[in-house]
Each structure stands twice: as C-alpha cells, then as structure tokens.
C-alpha cells in the first residue's frame, strides 16, 4: 500500500541552497564543517535509523542537500525526514530486481514522489532479464536507474552484484532512452584498461583506455556516480588522469558519498566496515571525495560535479 505523502517541489529543493551557509558552518567537537563554496548535493545517501541521522551527517561534512537512496517501501521514514527538514531531501526507490513485482513497486514509489530508481543492488546479471525490465520501466518513466556493479565479493558469502559489466555496452545500445548511472567496484575498476575482475579496488596508476572511460565518452545515456570507496579509490590512483577524466566527463559525473560514518567527520563505521575499504576507516567519505574533486577540477567543473548535473538528472530545477 502506498501512503499519501508530501512530495518536495523542485523550487523548494533548489531554494534550500539559500540556507547552505548556515548549515555548513555548524560545529561539533571543535571541527568546523567545510564550506565548499557551492550548495552541494549528495546524490547517494542511504537512510539512517533516526529521523535526524542523515541531517547530522550532512551538517558535519558541509552538504545541505541530498538524494536519499531508499527502499521503495520506506515511505513513512522519508515522509518523516522531509516533514522535519523541508527542502533538503529528494529520494529514489530501490528493490531487489529478482522480485516478481519489482516494476510495480518502483512505479508506485515514483507515484509517491521518487525521483528515480536505485541504488539497484541485486544478485543478477547486468544484462539479464530481471534488470532489463527495470531498464525499460525507467525509460518509460523518463527517470534514471543507478546500478551497483560488483564482480569480487568483499567478504565470504556476500556474492556478486549486477555481474557482467564488460558486456554492458550491448545494454547501452539496446536501451538508448534509459539514463544509466554506474556505481560501485566494477564500474570504477574498469576506468583503467585491463581490469581482470580479480580485486575489488585496484591500485596504482591508471592505464588509459579503460572500458568505463570509453563508455562514458561513447554513450550519452551513461553517467557516473562518484561515491563510496570505489569512486574515491579510482580518483585517487592517478592525479593527472583524474584531472583529465573529470574535465572530459564534466557533464556526466555526479558527487555522492555513500558514506556510513555517523557525523560527517568519520565517527563510527565507514564503508559499512568493508575490509577491502579500510583505507577510509575513520574518515568521512563525503569530505574525502569533495576535497579530492575540489583540488582536481576548476571551480566551474566542481560546481557541475556537485550541483548542476544532479539538478538536471533528478529534474530539480523549475
């Protein structure tokens, strides 16, 4: 059952930028929140347990607005957050793609105010029938769909998610009206040529000609989510490559954190305690990635990566 809820207006969400200065200057434990110079939108923030949890994280890392990546049935939680913090949150709906009623659940979420599909994280093939029906539904609704691509388990028993990214070019060709947002390990590992699906987070200099880089260049319907250790790791490997990459794809990439720290300063767990992502232990992923983007791009490009592209993708401008 879909409960009636107050949906956020585009004008209201964009208007929240005017209160960004007040938000980013909050302090905790003597650590001032960074002022990034623009009203950043975190396009990948998962629901916390409490109504205040997401705002606490955002205040700590200097981010005034966010897209909540939530379950399609999380409407009561989303309504409570939007009611308490009007103008700060939009949301998208996620389901297990293998559910028989996945399309119906996502369609109902859109009717209730969801601005897209995702994060879709399922134990299926990226070019399999389960996800293809979601790709078609996203195209029909004119919304984006974010996919978690992962070929290497982080821990025993986890399994892999949306496997077969190296075959994904055929999907981009078959669904030209679908706006795909790539995310997670395999998407970002393939920024370097020759990735062999052997480690979650490769290190060392980027080898030019990677599949992800090429697909972003060749297909107008593919975009990139810069979140999590996967995005941060890829952007941290090769400074010169990163500057060129961000400039080359400045209209295709969007900042997101996918950060699980408790306060926007690195407290608690980071990256859900994933062992392979220990490099970010004790750090706020949002802060780390925003700082990386800031030093790797011009002010105009930084604003595209952190504000403009998200507003366009999620139809947040009137």
Protein backbone atom coordinates (compact mmCIF):
# COMPACT_ATOMS: atom_id res chain seq x y z
CA UNK A 1 0.00 0.00 0.00
CA UNK A 2 1.32 3.43 -0.93
CA UNK A 3 0.70 6.02 1.75
CA UNK A 4 -0.04 9.61 0.81
CA UNK A 5 2.92 11.85 1.47
CA UNK A 6 4.08 15.38 0.89
CA UNK A 7 6.39 15.47 -2.15
CA UNK A 8 9.16 18.03 -2.37
CA UNK A 9 8.84 20.66 -5.08
CA UNK A 10 11.72 21.41 -7.41
CA UNK A 11 11.64 25.08 -6.49
CA UNK A 12 11.68 24.26 -2.77
CA UNK A 13 14.62 21.86 -3.11
CA UNK A 14 16.70 24.30 -5.15
CA UNK A 15 15.69 27.14 -2.85
CA UNK A 16 17.25 25.32 0.06
CA UNK A 17 20.61 26.44 -1.31
CA UNK A 18 20.00 29.80 0.33
CA UNK A 19 20.35 28.24 3.77
CA UNK A 20 23.51 26.32 2.87
CA UNK A 21 25.81 28.79 4.59
CA UNK A 22 24.02 28.38 7.90
CA UNK A 23 24.22 24.61 7.65
CA UNK A 24 27.87 24.23 6.69
CA UNK A 25 29.07 26.47 9.50
CA UNK A 26 27.74 24.26 12.27
CA UNK A 27 30.42 22.92 14.57
CA UNK A 28 30.89 19.74 16.56
CA UNK A 29 33.82 18.76 18.75
CA UNK A 30 35.69 21.86 17.61
CA UNK A 31 35.75 20.72 13.98
CA UNK A 32 34.06 23.24 11.65
CA UNK A 33 32.11 21.86 8.74
CA UNK A 34 33.80 22.65 5.41
CA UNK A 35 32.40 25.37 3.20
CA UNK A 36 32.66 24.00 -0.35
CA UNK A 37 31.58 27.29 -1.94
CA UNK A 38 28.51 25.78 -3.62
CA UNK A 39 25.29 24.15 -2.28
CA UNK A 40 26.48 20.57 -2.73
CA UNK A 41 24.00 17.77 -3.45
CA UNK A 42 24.96 14.33 -2.17
CA UNK A 43 23.32 12.06 -4.74
CA UNK A 44 23.99 8.84 -2.81
CA UNK A 45 23.00 8.91 0.84
CA UNK A 46 21.34 5.91 2.47
CA UNK A 47 18.69 6.23 5.15
CA UNK A 48 19.88 6.31 8.76
CA UNK A 49 17.85 4.73 11.52
CA UNK A 50 16.78 8.02 13.09
CA UNK A 51 14.96 10.98 11.56
CA UNK A 52 17.91 13.24 12.36
CA UNK A 53 20.70 10.89 11.29
CA UNK A 54 21.00 11.96 7.67
CA UNK A 55 20.95 15.67 8.53
CA UNK A 56 23.59 15.14 11.22
CA UNK A 57 25.91 13.60 8.62
CA UNK A 58 25.23 16.37 6.10
CA UNK A 59 25.82 19.14 8.62
CA UNK A 60 29.12 17.56 9.62
CA UNK A 61 30.52 17.41 6.08
CA UNK A 62 29.06 20.69 4.79
CA UNK A 63 26.42 19.28 2.43
CA UNK A 64 23.00 20.98 2.53
CA UNK A 65 21.06 18.74 0.13
CA UNK A 66 20.84 15.03 -0.60
CA UNK A 67 19.17 12.34 -2.66
CA UNK A 68 18.15 9.55 -0.29
CA UNK A 69 18.74 6.13 -1.83
CA UNK A 70 15.96 4.26 -0.09
CA UNK A 71 13.85 1.12 -0.36
CA UNK A 72 10.69 1.55 -2.38
CA UNK A 73 8.67 0.75 0.76
CA UNK A 74 10.43 3.28 3.01
CA UNK A 75 7.80 5.99 2.52
CA UNK A 76 6.98 6.56 6.21
CA UNK A 77 10.67 7.20 7.01
CA UNK A 78 11.10 9.50 4.04
CA UNK A 79 7.97 11.46 4.87
CA UNK A 80 9.14 11.96 8.45
CA UNK A 81 12.51 13.30 7.25
CA UNK A 82 11.02 15.58 4.60
CA UNK A 83 8.47 16.94 7.04
CA UNK A 84 11.13 17.80 9.63
CA UNK A 85 13.67 19.11 7.10
CA UNK A 86 11.63 20.51 4.18
CA UNK A 87 13.63 21.31 1.09
CA UNK A 88 16.73 19.29 1.96
CA UNK A 89 15.85 15.82 0.68
CA UNK A 90 14.68 14.15 -2.53
CA UNK A 91 14.73 10.37 -2.89
CA UNK A 92 14.86 7.39 -5.22
CA UNK A 93 13.44 3.90 -4.79
CA UNK A 94 15.25 0.58 -4.75
CA UNK A 95 14.14 -3.06 -4.90
CA UNK A 96 15.65 -6.47 -5.47
CA UNK A 97 15.47 -6.81 -9.24
CA UNK A 98 14.64 -10.50 -8.85
CA UNK A 99 11.33 -9.74 -7.12
CA UNK A 100 8.40 -10.58 -9.42
CA UNK A 101 6.68 -7.27 -8.55
CA UNK A 102 9.83 -5.12 -8.79
CA UNK A 103 8.49 -2.90 -11.59
CA UNK A 104 5.18 -2.33 -9.81
CA UNK A 105 6.93 -1.43 -6.55
CA UNK A 106 9.20 1.10 -8.27
CA UNK A 107 6.34 2.58 -10.28
CA UNK A 108 4.34 3.10 -7.10
CA UNK A 109 7.37 4.72 -5.47
CA UNK A 110 7.59 7.17 -8.37
CA UNK A 111 3.90 7.99 -7.96
CA UNK A 112 4.67 8.75 -4.32
CA UNK A 113 7.48 11.15 -5.22
CA UNK A 114 10.60 9.12 -6.01
CA UNK A 115 12.89 10.92 -8.46
CA UNK A 116 14.43 7.78 -9.96
CA UNK A 117 15.38 4.13 -9.47
CA UNK A 118 18.27 3.00 -7.34
CA UNK A 119 20.51 2.00 -5.95
CA UNK A 120 19.62 -1.33 -7.58
CA UNK A 121 21.85 -3.92 -5.93
CA UNK A 122 20.87 -7.46 -6.85
CA UNK A 123 22.46 -10.88 -7.34
CA UNK A 124 21.66 -10.99 -11.05
CA UNK A 125 23.48 -10.36 -14.31
CA UNK A 126 23.61 -6.78 -15.52
CA UNK A 127 22.33 -7.88 -18.92
CA UNK A 128 19.82 -10.40 -17.59
CA UNK A 129 16.02 -10.33 -17.87
CA UNK A 130 15.46 -9.18 -14.28
CA UNK A 131 17.29 -5.91 -14.78
CA UNK A 132 16.24 -5.41 -18.37
CA UNK A 133 12.61 -4.98 -17.32
CA UNK A 134 13.72 -2.26 -14.88
CA UNK A 135 15.74 -0.56 -17.62
CA UNK A 136 12.63 -0.47 -19.80
CA UNK A 137 10.47 0.87 -16.98
CA UNK A 138 12.96 3.65 -16.22
CA UNK A 139 12.92 4.68 -19.87
CA UNK A 140 9.13 4.74 -19.96
CA UNK A 141 9.02 6.96 -16.87
CA UNK A 142 11.86 9.21 -18.07
CA UNK A 143 13.92 8.56 -14.94
CA UNK A 144 17.44 7.39 -14.16
CA UNK A 145 18.44 4.00 -12.78
CA UNK A 146 21.60 3.52 -10.72
CA UNK A 147 23.23 0.08 -10.79
CA UNK A 148 25.71 -1.40 -8.31
CA UNK A 149 28.27 -3.35 -10.39
CA UNK A 150 30.49 -5.72 -8.37
CA UNK A 151 32.46 -8.74 -9.57
CA UNK A 152 34.50 -9.52 -6.43
CA UNK A 153 32.94 -10.31 -3.01
CA UNK A 154 34.07 -8.16 -0.09
CA UNK A 155 33.61 -10.98 2.41
CA UNK A 156 32.73 -14.66 2.46
CA UNK A 157 29.18 -15.37 1.41
CA UNK A 158 28.43 -11.91 0.00
CA UNK A 159 28.31 -12.92 -3.64
CA UNK A 160 28.48 -10.54 -6.58
CA UNK A 161 26.08 -7.90 -7.85
CA UNK A 162 24.92 -6.98 -11.38
CA UNK A 163 27.70 -9.02 -12.91
CA UNK A 164 28.97 -8.74 -16.47
CA UNK A 165 29.87 -5.07 -16.72
CA UNK A 166 32.30 -5.89 -19.54
CA UNK A 167 29.22 -6.84 -21.61
CA UNK A 168 27.27 -3.74 -20.65
CA UNK A 169 27.87 -1.87 -23.90
CA UNK A 170 25.19 -4.06 -25.51
CA UNK A 171 22.71 -2.87 -22.86
CA UNK A 172 23.53 0.78 -23.54
CA UNK A 173 22.84 0.17 -27.20
CA UNK A 174 19.60 -1.73 -26.56
CA UNK A 175 18.16 0.89 -24.18
CA UNK A 176 19.12 4.28 -25.62
CA UNK A 177 16.28 6.08 -23.80
CA UNK A 178 17.35 4.82 -20.37
CA UNK A 179 19.56 7.06 -18.23
CA UNK A 180 22.02 4.71 -16.55
CA UNK A 181 24.11 5.75 -13.55
CA UNK A 182 27.09 3.46 -12.98
CA UNK A 183 28.27 2.81 -9.45
CA UNK A 184 30.50 0.57 -7.33
CA UNK A 185 33.53 -1.64 -7.70
CA UNK A 186 33.41 -2.99 -11.25
CA UNK A 187 32.26 0.30 -12.75
CA UNK A 188 35.19 2.19 -11.23
CA UNK A 189 37.82 -0.53 -11.50
CA UNK A 190 37.19 -0.56 -15.26
CA UNK A 191 38.25 3.06 -15.53
CA UNK A 192 41.68 1.50 -16.05
CA UNK A 193 42.30 -0.75 -19.04
CA UNK A 194 42.94 -4.42 -18.40
CA UNK A 195 40.93 -4.89 -15.21
CA UNK A 196 40.54 -8.65 -14.76
CA UNK A 197 37.74 -8.90 -12.15
CA UNK A 198 40.39 -10.04 -9.67
CA UNK A 199 40.33 -7.43 -6.88
CA UNK A 200 37.64 -5.10 -5.57
CA UNK A 201 39.71 -1.92 -5.54
CA UNK A 202 42.79 -1.93 -7.83
CA UNK A 203 45.68 0.38 -7.00
CA UNK A 204 48.47 2.00 -8.98
CA UNK A 205 48.45 4.35 -11.97
CA UNK A 206 45.51 4.24 -14.37
CA UNK A 207 46.14 2.56 -17.71
CA UNK A 208 44.47 4.74 -20.33
CA UNK A 209 41.70 3.31 -22.50
CA UNK A 210 39.60 1.73 -19.74
CA UNK A 211 36.11 0.48 -20.54
CA UNK A 212 34.30 2.88 -18.20
CA UNK A 213 36.12 5.87 -19.65
CA UNK A 214 35.25 4.81 -23.18
CA UNK A 215 31.60 4.06 -22.46
CA UNK A 216 31.13 7.45 -20.79
CA UNK A 217 32.55 9.05 -23.93
CA UNK A 218 30.61 6.99 -26.45
CA UNK A 219 27.14 6.71 -24.89
CA UNK A 220 25.08 9.77 -23.94
CA UNK A 221 22.83 7.61 -21.74
CA UNK A 222 25.61 6.55 -19.31
CA UNK A 223 26.52 8.63 -16.27
CA UNK A 224 28.80 8.04 -13.28
CA UNK A 225 28.21 8.12 -9.52
CA UNK A 226 31.41 9.24 -7.78
CA UNK A 227 30.53 7.77 -4.40
CA UNK A 228 31.93 5.21 -1.96
CA UNK A 229 35.43 3.83 -1.67
CA UNK A 230 35.12 2.61 -5.27
CA UNK A 231 34.79 6.11 -6.71
CA UNK A 232 37.24 7.68 -4.31
CA UNK A 233 39.79 4.92 -4.91
CA UNK A 234 39.61 5.32 -8.69
CA UNK A 235 40.03 9.09 -8.47
CA UNK A 236 42.92 8.77 -6.01
CA UNK A 237 45.08 6.46 -8.12
CA UNK A 238 46.49 8.87 -10.68
CA UNK A 239 46.22 12.64 -10.16
CA UNK A 240 46.92 13.64 -13.74
CA UNK A 241 44.45 11.11 -15.11
CA UNK A 242 41.81 12.27 -12.64
CA UNK A 243 42.08 15.91 -13.71
CA UNK A 244 41.68 14.95 -17.36
CA UNK A 245 38.90 12.45 -16.59
CA UNK A 246 36.82 14.93 -14.60
CA UNK A 247 37.24 17.59 -17.24
CA UNK A 248 36.43 15.19 -20.08
CA UNK A 249 33.27 13.89 -18.41
CA UNK A 250 32.28 17.03 -16.52
CA UNK A 251 28.67 16.76 -17.74
CA UNK A 252 28.34 13.03 -16.95
CA UNK A 253 29.57 12.66 -13.35
CA UNK A 254 27.82 13.38 -10.03
CA UNK A 255 29.15 13.61 -6.50
CA UNK A 256 27.75 11.14 -3.99
CA UNK A 257 29.13 9.90 -0.70
CA UNK A 258 27.57 6.50 0.09
CA UNK A 259 29.17 7.22 3.46
CA UNK A 260 28.12 5.38 6.60
CA UNK A 261 30.03 7.44 9.17
CA UNK A 262 27.83 8.84 11.90
CA UNK A 263 28.61 12.54 11.97
CA UNK A 264 30.13 13.69 8.68
CA UNK A 265 33.53 13.63 10.35
CA UNK A 266 34.38 9.92 10.28
CA UNK A 267 32.90 8.72 13.56
CA UNK A 268 31.56 5.19 13.82
CA UNK A 269 31.79 2.86 10.86
CA UNK A 270 32.94 3.82 7.39
CA UNK A 271 32.01 1.98 4.21
CA UNK A 272 29.94 -0.47 6.31
CA UNK A 273 33.17 -1.94 7.74
CA UNK A 274 34.08 -3.47 4.38
CA UNK A 275 37.59 -4.90 4.93
CA UNK A 276 38.75 -4.02 1.42
CA UNK A 277 37.83 -0.38 2.01
CA UNK A 278 39.88 0.05 5.18
CA UNK A 279 41.81 2.93 3.57
CA UNK A 280 38.84 5.16 4.51
CA UNK A 281 38.44 3.84 8.04
CA UNK A 282 37.84 6.71 10.46
CA UNK A 283 37.19 9.16 7.63
CA UNK A 284 34.09 10.72 6.15
CA UNK A 285 33.87 9.66 2.51
CA UNK A 286 31.93 12.81 1.61
CA UNK A 287 34.68 15.05 2.96
CA UNK A 288 37.44 12.99 1.36
CA UNK A 289 35.84 12.90 -2.09
CA UNK A 290 34.73 16.53 -2.10
CA UNK A 291 38.26 17.61 -1.19
CA UNK A 292 39.65 15.41 -3.96
CA UNK A 293 37.22 16.87 -6.51
CA UNK A 294 37.94 20.41 -5.33
CA UNK A 295 41.69 20.10 -5.90
CA UNK A 296 41.29 18.19 -9.17
CA UNK A 297 38.92 20.49 -11.05
CA UNK A 298 38.24 24.10 -11.88
CA UNK A 299 35.51 25.95 -9.93
CA UNK A 300 33.12 25.65 -12.89
CA UNK A 301 33.68 21.91 -13.24
CA UNK A 302 33.44 21.38 -9.48
CA UNK A 303 30.02 23.04 -9.48
CA UNK A 304 28.86 20.77 -12.29
CA UNK A 305 30.03 17.67 -10.44
CA UNK A 306 28.48 18.66 -7.13
CA UNK A 307 25.36 20.65 -8.08
CA UNK A 308 24.40 21.19 -11.72
CA UNK A 309 24.48 17.63 -13.04
CA UNK A 310 22.39 16.35 -10.13
CA UNK A 311 19.81 19.10 -10.55
CA UNK A 312 19.47 18.18 -14.20
CA UNK A 313 19.41 14.41 -13.68
CA UNK A 314 16.79 14.48 -10.95
CA UNK A 315 14.78 17.32 -12.52
CA UNK A 316 15.25 19.60 -9.54
CA UNK A 317 15.08 22.90 -11.41
CA UNK A 318 11.77 24.51 -12.24
